[in-house]
């Protein structure tokens, strides 16, 4: 008579319950791996490693989905033309930035380059 590797596993339902107990580490209760059966120990270790890898991947995918910025790229627009003007005695390169999702659309005017001329 062959000694079973896992005691008190008789059908598919008890095998699924044993697998669930192994994966969630909630304790075995009456289902136990026999320490003599190396195949059973290896299978349980393989299940734990694969299950942990799946948990890591799913957690990473959920985190990436949550932390991903909304599609702002499609709603932020820049002015077609830039303007060089004189403000406070300095020449400045200005352009406008707009958000198509808001009612006023204008976020602000941005100065990206300033040149001061002292000879004028």
Protein backbone atom coordinates (compact mmCIF):
# COMPACT_ATOMS: atom_id res chain seq x y z
CA UNK A 1 0.00 0.00 0.00
CA UNK A 2 1.30 3.42 -1.00
CA UNK A 3 1.55 6.13 1.63
CA UNK A 4 -0.04 9.41 0.44
CA UNK A 5 2.10 12.56 0.23
CA UNK A 6 -0.68 14.77 1.58
CA UNK A 7 -2.84 13.37 4.32
CA UNK A 8 -6.63 13.91 4.29
CA UNK A 9 -6.83 14.89 0.60
CA UNK A 10 -9.33 12.56 -1.02
CA UNK A 11 -10.93 14.44 -3.91
CA UNK A 12 -10.63 17.58 -6.02
CA UNK A 13 -12.37 19.80 -3.47
CA UNK A 14 -10.05 18.83 -0.64
CA UNK A 15 -7.05 19.32 -2.99
CA UNK A 16 -8.27 22.85 -3.85
CA UNK A 17 -8.74 23.61 -0.16
CA UNK A 18 -5.21 22.35 0.53
CA UNK A 19 -3.89 24.55 -2.28
CA UNK A 20 -5.75 27.56 -0.88
CA UNK A 21 -4.38 26.89 2.62
CA UNK A 22 -0.86 26.64 1.21
CA UNK A 23 -1.10 29.83 -0.83
CA UNK A 24 -2.66 31.99 1.87
CA UNK A 25 -0.57 30.49 4.70
CA UNK A 26 -3.60 30.24 6.95
CA UNK A 27 -2.53 26.89 8.35
CA UNK A 28 -3.18 23.36 7.31
CA UNK A 29 -5.47 21.98 9.94
CA UNK A 30 -5.92 18.34 9.06
CA UNK A 31 -4.27 18.42 5.60
CA UNK A 32 -0.51 17.95 5.96
CA UNK A 33 2.39 17.14 3.65
CA UNK A 34 4.32 14.10 4.71
CA UNK A 35 7.98 15.10 5.15
CA UNK A 36 9.12 11.84 3.53
CA UNK A 37 7.46 12.74 0.20
CA UNK A 38 9.91 15.03 -1.58
CA UNK A 39 7.63 15.51 -4.59
CA UNK A 40 4.88 16.92 -2.37
CA UNK A 41 7.29 19.30 -0.64
CA UNK A 42 8.69 20.46 -4.00
CA UNK A 43 5.18 20.94 -5.42
CA UNK A 44 4.11 23.02 -2.41
CA UNK A 45 7.23 25.18 -2.69
CA UNK A 46 6.67 25.65 -6.42
CA UNK A 47 3.04 26.67 -5.80
CA UNK A 48 4.11 29.22 -3.18
CA UNK A 49 6.73 30.76 -5.49
CA UNK A 50 4.43 30.93 -8.52
CA UNK A 51 1.55 32.29 -6.42
CA UNK A 52 3.78 34.97 -4.90
CA UNK A 53 5.00 35.95 -8.38
CA UNK A 54 1.41 36.26 -9.60
CA UNK A 55 0.53 38.38 -6.55
CA UNK A 56 3.50 40.68 -7.26
CA UNK A 57 2.54 41.08 -10.92
CA UNK A 58 -1.12 41.82 -10.20
CA UNK A 59 -0.21 44.31 -7.45
CA UNK A 60 2.24 46.04 -9.81
CA UNK A 61 -0.33 46.26 -12.59
CA UNK A 62 -2.94 47.73 -10.24
CA UNK A 63 -0.41 50.23 -8.87
CA UNK A 64 0.63 51.29 -12.39
CA UNK A 65 -2.99 51.72 -13.42
CA UNK A 66 -3.82 53.81 -10.35
CA UNK A 67 -0.70 55.99 -10.47
CA UNK A 68 -0.84 56.65 -14.21
CA UNK A 69 -1.75 60.28 -14.96
CA UNK A 70 -4.97 60.93 -16.73
CA UNK A 71 -4.86 61.76 -20.42
CA UNK A 72 -3.79 65.39 -19.91
CA UNK A 73 -1.69 65.23 -23.05
CA UNK A 74 -4.81 65.57 -25.16
CA UNK A 75 -6.30 68.50 -23.23
CA UNK A 76 -3.24 70.75 -22.70
CA UNK A 77 -2.58 72.97 -25.70
CA UNK A 78 0.07 75.57 -26.42
CA UNK A 79 -0.40 78.75 -28.44
CA UNK A 80 0.44 78.47 -32.09
CA UNK A 81 2.52 81.67 -32.03
CA UNK A 82 5.03 82.99 -29.52
CA UNK A 83 5.42 86.72 -28.90
CA UNK A 84 8.50 88.77 -28.17
CA UNK A 85 7.57 91.87 -26.18
CA UNK A 86 9.16 94.37 -23.89
CA UNK A 87 8.19 94.28 -20.21
CA UNK A 88 9.88 96.29 -17.47
CA UNK A 89 12.75 97.21 -19.79
CA UNK A 90 13.44 93.59 -20.78
CA UNK A 91 12.60 91.67 -23.93
CA UNK A 92 10.70 88.48 -23.17
CA UNK A 93 9.58 85.49 -25.22
CA UNK A 94 5.98 84.64 -24.21
CA UNK A 95 3.51 81.92 -25.12
CA UNK A 96 0.13 80.84 -23.78
CA UNK A 97 -0.88 77.50 -22.28
CA UNK A 98 -4.50 76.37 -22.28
CA UNK A 99 -6.51 73.55 -20.78
CA UNK A 100 -9.41 72.43 -22.96
CA UNK A 101 -11.22 70.83 -20.01
CA UNK A 102 -11.79 74.09 -18.15
CA UNK A 103 -14.34 76.73 -19.01
CA UNK A 104 -11.89 79.61 -19.56
CA UNK A 105 -9.29 77.43 -21.35
CA UNK A 106 -6.43 79.78 -20.37
CA UNK A 107 -4.02 78.47 -17.75
CA UNK A 108 -1.46 81.24 -18.01
CA UNK A 109 1.13 83.09 -19.98
CA UNK A 110 4.66 81.82 -19.57
CA UNK A 111 7.91 83.72 -20.04
CA UNK A 112 10.65 81.35 -21.11
CA UNK A 113 13.45 83.73 -22.03
CA UNK A 114 14.40 87.22 -20.86
CA UNK A 115 17.05 89.50 -22.36
CA UNK A 116 17.90 92.79 -20.73
CA UNK A 117 19.24 95.63 -22.89
CA UNK A 118 21.01 98.35 -21.02
CA UNK A 119 21.89 100.52 -24.04
CA UNK A 120 18.31 101.62 -24.75
